[in-house]
Amino acid sequence: MSKDLELVEAFLSIQGEGEHQGRLAIFLRFLGCNLNCSGFGVQTKSLKTGENLLGCDSIRAVFKGHFDHKTCNADEILSLVDGLCEGLKQKPIIVLTGGEPLIWHKNENFINLVKNLLVDYEVHFETNGTILVDFDKFEIYRNCHFALGVKLANSGINEQKRINLDAILAIKNNAKSSFLKFVLSRCDDSELDEIMNIKNKVNLPVWCMAMGADRAELSKNALKTAEFAIKYGFNYSERIHIRLWSDKEGV
């Protein structure tokens, strides 16, 4: 029997980042991640133990056992999506995010969820690009779009763990579409070298985003990130949800 899915939150908003920024979107955030980007410096207190946790802006999806979440099967999540779509005049895209949603990609409930969503919606994954998907075995994912949020050294994770070229190339060569997006903090030669080391090997379009867990930090870093993108011929990505709602969750 397939294990039920652990859902942190489901909400209607707009896609704030990357190639599809600005599009109406339903976000399904799943629990669990194979990385913890402590270098991003977001601090949150555990609701279960009271300890201070350090990670990224989706920290509640990374630390299992510290926050409340829903356990759902595919049908229950589809009902949530139907409820969020009620009254809408056009269909949103469905964004599967985390944490790292691809840790669920072999799960029967997850596969059924994606299969049913694809009947009516565009399905988009937000992934860190480290999990190798066998697209011959799991062909359903060929019909999905992928945002590859590959981590740089500023994430605090060693290169061997955060870069998996085989996983990135499998997505590039099989998915409906894909692109790279990077969070920049210094916008210097070292970050340029990191980006080009990956881009030269996978030949995907690059979107550069400023580091910023809230509106103040984003505003501090956005201009230099845009200037970096223009200087080297990359795409610049806003982080619209942070501009509008700062560090508020569920938007």
C-alpha atoms as a PDB file:
ATOM      1  CA  MET A   1       0.000   0.000   0.000  1.00  0.00           C
ATOM      2  CA  SER A   2       1.335   3.423  -0.970  1.00  0.00           C
ATOM      3  CA  LYS A   3       2.329   5.747   1.835  1.00  0.00           C
ATOM      4  CA  ASP A   4       0.135   8.827   2.265  1.00  0.00           C
ATOM      5  CA  LEU A   5       1.653  12.163   1.323  1.00  0.00           C
ATOM      6  CA  GLU A   6       2.751  14.725   3.907  1.00  0.00           C
ATOM      7  CA  LEU A   7       1.511  18.158   2.903  1.00  0.00           C
ATOM      8  CA  VAL A   8       2.783  21.272   4.663  1.00  0.00           C
ATOM      9  CA  GLU A   9       0.434  23.729   2.967  1.00  0.00           C
ATOM     10  CA  ALA A  10      -1.731  24.341  -0.099  1.00  0.00           C
ATOM     11  CA  PHE A  11      -2.587  27.851  -1.248  1.00  0.00           C
ATOM     12  CA  LEU A  12      -3.552  30.002  -4.222  1.00  0.00           C
ATOM     13  CA  SER A  13      -1.152  32.791  -5.161  1.00  0.00           C
ATOM     14  CA  ILE A  14       1.068  33.852  -8.055  1.00  0.00           C
ATOM     15  CA  GLN A  15       4.318  32.278  -9.119  1.00  0.00           C
ATOM     16  CA  GLY A  16       6.905  34.688  -7.776  1.00  0.00           C
ATOM     17  CA  GLU A  17      10.097  33.448  -9.421  1.00  0.00           C
ATOM     18  CA  GLY A  18      11.727  32.314 -12.621  1.00  0.00           C
ATOM     19  CA  GLU A  19      10.460  31.815 -16.130  1.00  0.00           C
ATOM     20  CA  HIS A  20       6.801  31.672 -15.107  1.00  0.00           C
ATOM     21  CA  GLN A  21       6.770  34.553 -12.628  1.00  0.00           C
ATOM     22  CA  GLY A  22       3.463  36.380 -12.363  1.00  0.00           C
ATOM     23  CA  ARG A  23       1.283  33.417 -13.352  1.00  0.00           C
ATOM     24  CA  LEU A  24      -1.715  32.438 -11.241  1.00  0.00           C
ATOM     25  CA  ALA A  25      -0.671  29.314  -9.325  1.00  0.00           C
ATOM     26  CA  ILE A  26      -1.735  26.815  -6.705  1.00  0.00           C
ATOM     27  CA  PHE A  27       1.194  25.750  -4.555  1.00  0.00           C
ATOM     28  CA  LEU A  28       1.310  22.297  -2.992  1.00  0.00           C
ATOM     29  CA  ARG A  29       4.198  22.238  -0.534  1.00  0.00           C
ATOM     30  CA  PHE A  30       5.334  18.759   0.511  1.00  0.00           C
ATOM     31  CA  LEU A  31       7.284  17.822   3.606  1.00  0.00           C
ATOM     32  CA  GLY A  32      10.899  16.756   3.510  1.00  0.00           C
ATOM     33  CA  CYS A  33      14.138  17.748   1.820  1.00  0.00           C
ATOM     34  CA  ASN A  34      17.474  16.109   1.132  1.00  0.00           C
ATOM     35  CA  LEU A  35      19.311  19.415   1.710  1.00  0.00           C
ATOM     36  CA  ASN A  36      19.295  22.007   4.479  1.00  0.00           C
ATOM     37  CA  CYS A  37      20.501  25.358   3.190  1.00  0.00           C
ATOM     38  CA  SER A  38      21.657  26.845   6.483  1.00  0.00           C
ATOM     39  CA  GLY A  39      23.701  29.408   4.551  1.00  0.00           C
ATOM     40  CA  PHE A  40      20.486  31.260   3.679  1.00  0.00           C
ATOM     41  CA  GLY A  41      20.267  32.209   7.340  1.00  0.00           C
ATOM     42  CA  VAL A  42      16.524  31.936   8.009  1.00  0.00           C
ATOM     43  CA  GLN A  43      15.870  31.274  11.698  1.00  0.00           C
ATOM     44  CA  THR A  44      12.620  29.738  12.933  1.00  0.00           C
ATOM     45  CA  LYS A  45      11.643  28.278  16.280  1.00  0.00           C
ATOM     46  CA  SER A  46      10.411  24.679  16.350  1.00  0.00           C
ATOM     47  CA  LEU A  47       6.751  24.416  17.372  1.00  0.00           C
ATOM     48  CA  LYS A  48       7.425  20.992  18.902  1.00  0.00           C
ATOM     49  CA  THR A  49      10.742  21.401  20.755  1.00  0.00           C
ATOM     50  CA  GLY A  50      11.238  25.155  20.990  1.00  0.00           C
ATOM     51  CA  GLU A  51      14.774  24.924  19.567  1.00  0.00           C
ATOM     52  CA  ASN A  52      16.029  27.441  17.007  1.00  0.00           C
ATOM     53  CA  LEU A  53      16.249  26.025  13.488  1.00  0.00           C
ATOM     54  CA  LEU A  54      18.424  27.461  10.713  1.00  0.00           C
ATOM     55  CA  GLY A  55      17.691  26.988   7.019  1.00  0.00           C
ATOM     56  CA  CYS A  56      15.919  28.497   4.012  1.00  0.00           C
ATOM     57  CA  ASP A  57      12.618  30.357   3.591  1.00  0.00           C
ATOM     58  CA  SER A  58      10.719  27.048   3.331  1.00  0.00           C
ATOM     59  CA  ILE A  59      12.172  25.803   6.597  1.00  0.00           C
ATOM     60  CA  ARG A  60       8.861  24.298   7.791  1.00  0.00           C
ATOM     61  CA  ALA A  61       9.025  21.847   4.902  1.00  0.00           C
ATOM     62  CA  VAL A  62      12.621  20.832   5.637  1.00  0.00           C
ATOM     63  CA  PHE A  63      12.590  19.918   9.317  1.00  0.00           C
ATOM     64  CA  LYS A  64      10.390  16.873   9.867  1.00  0.00           C
ATOM     65  CA  GLY A  65       8.927  16.507  13.340  1.00  0.00           C
ATOM     66  CA  HIS A  66       9.120  20.200  14.239  1.00  0.00           C
ATOM     67  CA  PHE A  67       5.912  21.566  12.652  1.00  0.00           C
ATOM     68  CA  ASP A  68       2.339  20.459  12.033  1.00  0.00           C
ATOM     69  CA  HIS A  69       1.378  19.130   8.597  1.00  0.00           C
ATOM     70  CA  LYS A  70      -1.428  17.213   6.903  1.00  0.00           C
ATOM     71  CA  THR A  71      -1.245  13.571   5.867  1.00  0.00           C
ATOM     72  CA  CYS A  72      -3.267  13.133   2.675  1.00  0.00           C
ATOM     73  CA  ASN A  73      -3.849  10.736  -0.167  1.00  0.00           C
ATOM     74  CA  ALA A  74      -4.064  11.852  -3.799  1.00  0.00           C
ATOM     75  CA  ASP A  75      -7.871  12.222  -3.776  1.00  0.00           C
ATOM     76  CA  GLU A  76      -7.797  14.471  -0.716  1.00  0.00           C
ATOM     77  CA  ILE A  77      -5.225  16.762  -2.301  1.00  0.00           C
ATOM     78  CA  LEU A  78      -7.238  16.889  -5.525  1.00  0.00           C
ATOM     79  CA  SER A  79     -10.238  18.006  -3.462  1.00  0.00           C
ATOM     80  CA  LEU A  80      -8.108  20.751  -1.921  1.00  0.00           C
ATOM     81  CA  VAL A  81      -7.143  21.917  -5.421  1.00  0.00           C
ATOM     82  CA  ASP A  82     -10.799  21.910  -6.531  1.00  0.00           C
ATOM     83  CA  GLY A  83     -11.692  24.040  -3.516  1.00  0.00           C
ATOM     84  CA  LEU A  84      -8.961  26.554  -4.230  1.00  0.00           C
ATOM     85  CA  CYS A  85     -10.097  26.819  -7.862  1.00  0.00           C
ATOM     86  CA  GLU A  86     -13.711  27.563  -6.985  1.00  0.00           C
ATOM     87  CA  GLY A  87     -14.820  30.829  -8.562  1.00  0.00           C
ATOM     88  CA  LEU A  88     -11.662  31.332 -10.620  1.00  0.00           C
ATOM     89  CA  LYS A  89     -12.133  32.545 -14.196  1.00  0.00           C
ATOM     90  CA  GLN A  90      -9.077  30.718 -15.531  1.00  0.00           C
ATOM     91  CA  LYS A  91      -7.061  27.705 -14.528  1.00  0.00           C
ATOM     92  CA  PRO A  92      -3.933  28.249 -12.433  1.00  0.00           C
ATOM     93  CA  ILE A  93      -0.759  26.289 -12.891  1.00  0.00           C
ATOM     94  CA  ILE A  94      -0.054  23.729 -10.164  1.00  0.00           C
ATOM     95  CA  VAL A  95       3.335  24.104  -8.501  1.00  0.00           C
ATOM     96  CA  LEU A  96       4.683  21.107  -6.581  1.00  0.00           C
ATOM     97  CA  THR A  97       7.278  22.376  -4.157  1.00  0.00           C
ATOM     98  CA  GLY A  98       8.874  21.739  -0.780  1.00  0.00           C
ATOM     99  CA  GLY A  99      11.340  21.152   0.687  1.00  0.00           C
ATOM    100  CA  GLU A 100      12.136  18.869  -2.202  1.00  0.00           C
ATOM    101  CA  PRO A 101       9.047  17.381  -3.896  1.00  0.00           C
ATOM    102  CA  LEU A 102      11.004  14.819  -5.913  1.00  0.00           C
ATOM    103  CA  ILE A 103      11.719  12.788  -2.777  1.00  0.00           C
ATOM    104  CA  TRP A 104       8.107  11.651  -3.316  1.00  0.00           C
ATOM    105  CA  HIS A 105       8.393  10.889  -7.035  1.00  0.00           C
ATOM    106  CA  LYS A 106       8.335   7.074  -6.640  1.00  0.00           C
ATOM    107  CA  ASN A 107       5.338   7.148  -4.294  1.00  0.00           C
ATOM    108  CA  GLU A 108       2.166   5.685  -5.831  1.00  0.00           C
ATOM    109  CA  ASN A 109      -0.070   8.355  -4.281  1.00  0.00           C
ATOM    110  CA  PHE A 110       2.203  11.089  -5.624  1.00  0.00           C
ATOM    111  CA  ILE A 111       2.243   9.545  -9.110  1.00  0.00           C
ATOM    112  CA  ASN A 112      -1.564   9.305  -9.088  1.00  0.00           C
ATOM    113  CA  LEU A 113      -1.803  12.912  -7.932  1.00  0.00           C
ATOM    114  CA  VAL A 114       0.399  14.138 -10.789  1.00  0.00           C
ATOM    115  CA  LYS A 115      -1.453  11.959 -13.294  1.00  0.00           C
ATOM    116  CA  ASN A 116      -4.831  13.390 -12.264  1.00  0.00           C
ATOM    117  CA  LEU A 117      -3.602  16.977 -12.104  1.00  0.00           C
ATOM    118  CA  LEU A 118      -2.264  16.723 -15.652  1.00  0.00           C
ATOM    119  CA  VAL A 119      -5.770  16.060 -16.967  1.00  0.00           C
ATOM    120  CA  ASP A 120      -6.741  19.696 -16.334  1.00  0.00           C
ATOM    121  CA  TYR A 121      -3.632  21.649 -15.365  1.00  0.00           C
ATOM    122  CA  GLU A 122      -0.031  22.467 -16.184  1.00  0.00           C
ATOM    123  CA  VAL A 123       2.093  20.835 -13.492  1.00  0.00           C
ATOM    124  CA  HIS A 124       5.327  22.548 -12.450  1.00  0.00           C
ATOM    125  CA  PHE A 125       8.035  21.210 -10.134  1.00  0.00           C
ATOM    126  CA  GLU A 126      10.354  23.337  -8.036  1.00  0.00           C
ATOM    127  CA  THR A 127      13.358  21.122  -7.363  1.00  0.00           C
ATOM    128  CA  ASN A 128      16.966  21.516  -6.244  1.00  0.00           C
ATOM    129  CA  GLY A 129      18.057  19.234  -9.100  1.00  0.00           C
ATOM    130  CA  THR A 130      19.845  16.624  -6.989  1.00  0.00           C
ATOM    131  CA  ILE A 131      17.431  13.675  -7.286  1.00  0.00           C
ATOM    132  CA  LEU A 132      17.838  11.471 -10.351  1.00  0.00           C
ATOM    133  CA  VAL A 133      14.483  10.602 -11.940  1.00  0.00           C
ATOM    134  CA  ASP A 134      14.202   7.573 -14.229  1.00  0.00           C
ATOM    135  CA  PHE A 135      11.944   9.078 -16.888  1.00  0.00           C
ATOM    136  CA  ASP A 136      11.633   5.741 -18.699  1.00  0.00           C
ATOM    137  CA  LYS A 137      10.181   4.153 -15.577  1.00  0.00           C
ATOM    138  CA  PHE A 138       8.188   7.195 -14.437  1.00  0.00           C
ATOM    139  CA  GLU A 139       7.034   8.567 -17.782  1.00  0.00           C
ATOM    140  CA  ILE A 140       4.360  10.800 -16.242  1.00  0.00           C
ATOM    141  CA  TYR A 141       7.014  13.374 -15.351  1.00  0.00           C
ATOM    142  CA  ARG A 142       7.807  13.941 -19.029  1.00  0.00           C
ATOM    143  CA  ASN A 143       4.602  15.999 -19.115  1.00  0.00           C
ATOM    144  CA  CYS A 144       5.748  18.380 -16.372  1.00  0.00           C
ATOM    145  CA  HIS A 145       7.733  21.624 -16.260  1.00  0.00           C
ATOM    146  CA  PHE A 146      10.765  21.929 -13.985  1.00  0.00           C
ATOM    147  CA  ALA A 147      12.385  24.905 -12.279  1.00  0.00           C
ATOM    148  CA  LEU A 148      15.859  23.774 -11.252  1.00  0.00           C
ATOM    149  CA  GLY A 149      16.824  25.819  -8.202  1.00  0.00           C
ATOM    150  CA  VAL A 150      20.393  24.534  -8.086  1.00  0.00           C
ATOM    151  CA  LYS A 151      22.227  25.686  -4.991  1.00  0.00           C
ATOM    152  CA  LEU A 152      25.441  27.725  -4.985  1.00  0.00           C
ATOM    153  CA  ALA A 153      28.124  27.802  -2.280  1.00  0.00           C
ATOM    154  CA  ASN A 154      26.163  30.506  -0.414  1.00  0.00           C
ATOM    155  CA  SER A 155      23.698  27.771   0.595  1.00  0.00           C
ATOM    156  CA  GLY A 156      26.292  26.363   2.989  1.00  0.00           C
ATOM    157  CA  ILE A 157      26.197  22.920   1.351  1.00  0.00           C
ATOM    158  CA  ASN A 158      29.254  21.237  -0.130  1.00  0.00           C
ATOM    159  CA  GLU A 159      29.408  20.995  -3.905  1.00  0.00           C
ATOM    160  CA  GLN A 160      29.342  17.201  -4.073  1.00  0.00           C
ATOM    161  CA  LYS A 161      25.985  17.135  -2.295  1.00  0.00           C
ATOM    162  CA  ARG A 162      24.277  20.079  -4.042  1.00  0.00           C
ATOM    163  CA  ILE A 163      25.308  19.449  -7.672  1.00  0.00           C
ATOM    164  CA  ASN A 164      24.095  16.348  -9.521  1.00  0.00           C
ATOM    165  CA  LEU A 165      24.695  16.826 -13.245  1.00  0.00           C
ATOM    166  CA  ASP A 166      23.111  13.475 -14.128  1.00  0.00           C
ATOM    167  CA  ALA A 167      19.887  14.521 -12.386  1.00  0.00           C
ATOM    168  CA  ILE A 168      19.861  17.929 -14.073  1.00  0.00           C
ATOM    169  CA  LEU A 169      20.498  16.449 -17.520  1.00  0.00           C
ATOM    170  CA  ALA A 170      17.806  13.807 -17.049  1.00  0.00           C
ATOM    171  CA  ILE A 171      15.289  16.588 -16.411  1.00  0.00           C
ATOM    172  CA  LYS A 172      16.592  18.731 -19.268  1.00  0.00           C
ATOM    173  CA  ASN A 173      16.445  15.859 -21.759  1.00  0.00           C
ATOM    174  CA  ASN A 174      13.039  14.510 -20.762  1.00  0.00           C
ATOM    175  CA  ALA A 175      10.806  17.141 -19.151  1.00  0.00           C
ATOM    176  CA  LYS A 176       8.366  19.323 -21.048  1.00  0.00           C
ATOM    177  CA  SER A 177      10.504  22.346 -20.167  1.00  0.00           C
ATOM    178  CA  SER A 178      13.198  23.300 -17.672  1.00  0.00           C
ATOM    179  CA  PHE A 179      15.415  26.181 -16.626  1.00  0.00           C
ATOM    180  CA  LEU A 180      18.036  27.009 -14.003  1.00  0.00           C
ATOM    181  CA  LYS A 181      17.503  29.547 -11.242  1.00  0.00           C
ATOM    182  CA  PHE A 182      20.153  30.653  -8.785  1.00  0.00           C
ATOM    183  CA  VAL A 183      20.008  32.672  -5.567  1.00  0.00           C
ATOM    184  CA  LEU A 184      22.869  35.203  -5.556  1.00  0.00           C
ATOM    185  CA  SER A 185      24.295  36.998  -2.542  1.00  0.00           C
ATOM    186  CA  ARG A 186      27.669  38.473  -3.580  1.00  0.00           C
ATOM    187  CA  CYS A 187      27.205  38.826  -7.360  1.00  0.00           C
ATOM    188  CA  ASP A 188      30.950  38.457  -7.813  1.00  0.00           C
ATOM    189  CA  ASP A 189      33.344  36.430  -9.973  1.00  0.00           C
ATOM    190  CA  SER A 190      33.086  33.386  -7.717  1.00  0.00           C
ATOM    191  CA  GLU A 191      29.312  33.170  -8.184  1.00  0.00           C
ATOM    192  CA  LEU A 192      29.714  33.774 -11.928  1.00  0.00           C
ATOM    193  CA  ASP A 193      32.221  30.897 -12.085  1.00  0.00           C
ATOM    194  CA  GLU A 194      29.799  28.625 -10.220  1.00  0.00           C
ATOM    195  CA  ILE A 195      26.923  29.471 -12.562  1.00  0.00           C
ATOM    196  CA  MET A 196      28.990  29.050 -15.716  1.00  0.00           C
ATOM    197  CA  ASN A 197      30.437  25.744 -14.513  1.00  0.00           C
ATOM    198  CA  ILE A 198      26.896  24.375 -14.432  1.00  0.00           C
ATOM    199  CA  LYS A 199      25.489  26.206 -17.468  1.00  0.00           C
ATOM    200  CA  ASN A 200      28.373  25.099 -19.713  1.00  0.00           C
ATOM    201  CA  LYS A 201      27.638  21.470 -18.879  1.00  0.00           C
ATOM    202  CA  VAL A 202      23.842  21.477 -19.156  1.00  0.00           C
ATOM    203  CA  ASN A 203      23.087  24.369 -21.558  1.00  0.00           C
ATOM    204  CA  LEU A 204      19.878  25.603 -19.926  1.00  0.00           C
ATOM    205  CA  PRO A 205      18.635  29.201 -19.598  1.00  0.00           C
ATOM    206  CA  VAL A 206      19.649  30.931 -16.362  1.00  0.00           C
ATOM    207  CA  TRP A 207      17.532  33.121 -14.093  1.00  0.00           C
ATOM    208  CA  CYS A 208      19.306  35.084 -11.338  1.00  0.00           C
ATOM    209  CA  MET A 209      17.491  35.941  -8.107  1.00  0.00           C
ATOM    210  CA  ALA A 210      18.572  38.049  -5.154  1.00  0.00           C
ATOM    211  CA  MET A 211      18.957  36.445  -1.750  1.00  0.00           C
ATOM    212  CA  GLY A 212      16.213  37.702   0.530  1.00  0.00           C
ATOM    213  CA  ALA A 213      14.056  36.018   3.131  1.00  0.00           C
ATOM    214  CA  ASP A 214      12.051  39.215   3.614  1.00  0.00           C
ATOM    215  CA  ARG A 215      11.337  42.462   1.757  1.00  0.00           C
ATOM    216  CA  ALA A 216      14.183  44.404   3.399  1.00  0.00           C
ATOM    217  CA  GLU A 217      16.866  41.854   2.547  1.00  0.00           C
ATOM    218  CA  LEU A 218      15.518  41.431  -0.980  1.00  0.00           C
ATOM    219  CA  SER A 219      15.540  45.198  -1.585  1.00  0.00           C
ATOM    220  CA  LYS A 220      19.134  45.350  -0.373  1.00  0.00           C
ATOM    221  CA  ASN A 221      20.306  42.720  -2.886  1.00  0.00           C
ATOM    222  CA  ALA A 222      17.971  43.116  -5.883  1.00  0.00           C
ATOM    223  CA  LEU A 223      19.696  45.930  -7.788  1.00  0.00           C
ATOM    224  CA  LYS A 224      23.161  44.372  -7.756  1.00  0.00           C
ATOM    225  CA  THR A 225      21.616  41.058  -8.844  1.00  0.00           C
ATOM    226  CA  ALA A 226      19.818  42.722 -11.765  1.00  0.00           C
ATOM    227  CA  GLU A 227      23.035  44.506 -12.768  1.00  0.00           C
ATOM    228  CA  PHE A 228      24.935  41.196 -12.574  1.00  0.00           C
ATOM    229  CA  ALA A 229      22.320  39.540 -14.825  1.00  0.00           C
ATOM    230  CA  ILE A 230      22.468  42.357 -17.358  1.00  0.00           C
ATOM    231  CA  LYS A 231      26.280  42.443 -17.374  1.00  0.00           C
ATOM    232  CA  TYR A 232      26.643  38.733 -18.125  1.00  0.00           C
ATOM    233  CA  GLY A 233      23.545  38.185 -20.261  1.00  0.00           C
ATOM    234  CA  PHE A 234      21.364  36.198 -17.862  1.00  0.00           C
ATOM    235  CA  ASN A 235      17.667  36.556 -17.109  1.00  0.00           C
ATOM    236  CA  TYR A 236      16.714  38.428 -13.946  1.00  0.00           C
ATOM    237  CA  SER A 237      13.995  36.990 -11.741  1.00  0.00           C
ATOM    238  CA  GLU A 238      12.036  39.019  -9.263  1.00  0.00           C
ATOM    239  CA  ARG A 239      10.740  37.344  -6.100  1.00  0.00           C
ATOM    240  CA  ILE A 240       7.287  38.838  -6.356  1.00  0.00           C
ATOM    241  CA  HIS A 241       5.803  37.070  -3.343  1.00  0.00           C
ATOM    242  CA  ILE A 242       8.514  38.561  -1.094  1.00  0.00           C
ATOM    243  CA  ARG A 243       8.091  42.025  -2.630  1.00  0.00           C
ATOM    244  CA  LEU A 244       4.359  41.909  -1.924  1.00  0.00           C
ATOM    245  CA  TRP A 245       4.089  39.961   1.322  1.00  0.00           C
ATOM    246  CA  SER A 246       7.648  39.952   2.759  1.00  0.00           C
ATOM    247  CA  ASP A 247       8.158  36.817   4.903  1.00  0.00           C
ATOM    248  CA  LYS A 248       4.462  35.985   5.355  1.00  0.00           C
ATOM    249  CA  GLU A 249       3.731  32.288   4.829  1.00  0.00           C
ATOM    250  CA  GLY A 250       0.992  30.742   2.699  1.00  0.00           C
ATOM    251  CA  VAL A 251       1.073  33.355  -0.075  1.00  0.00           C
END
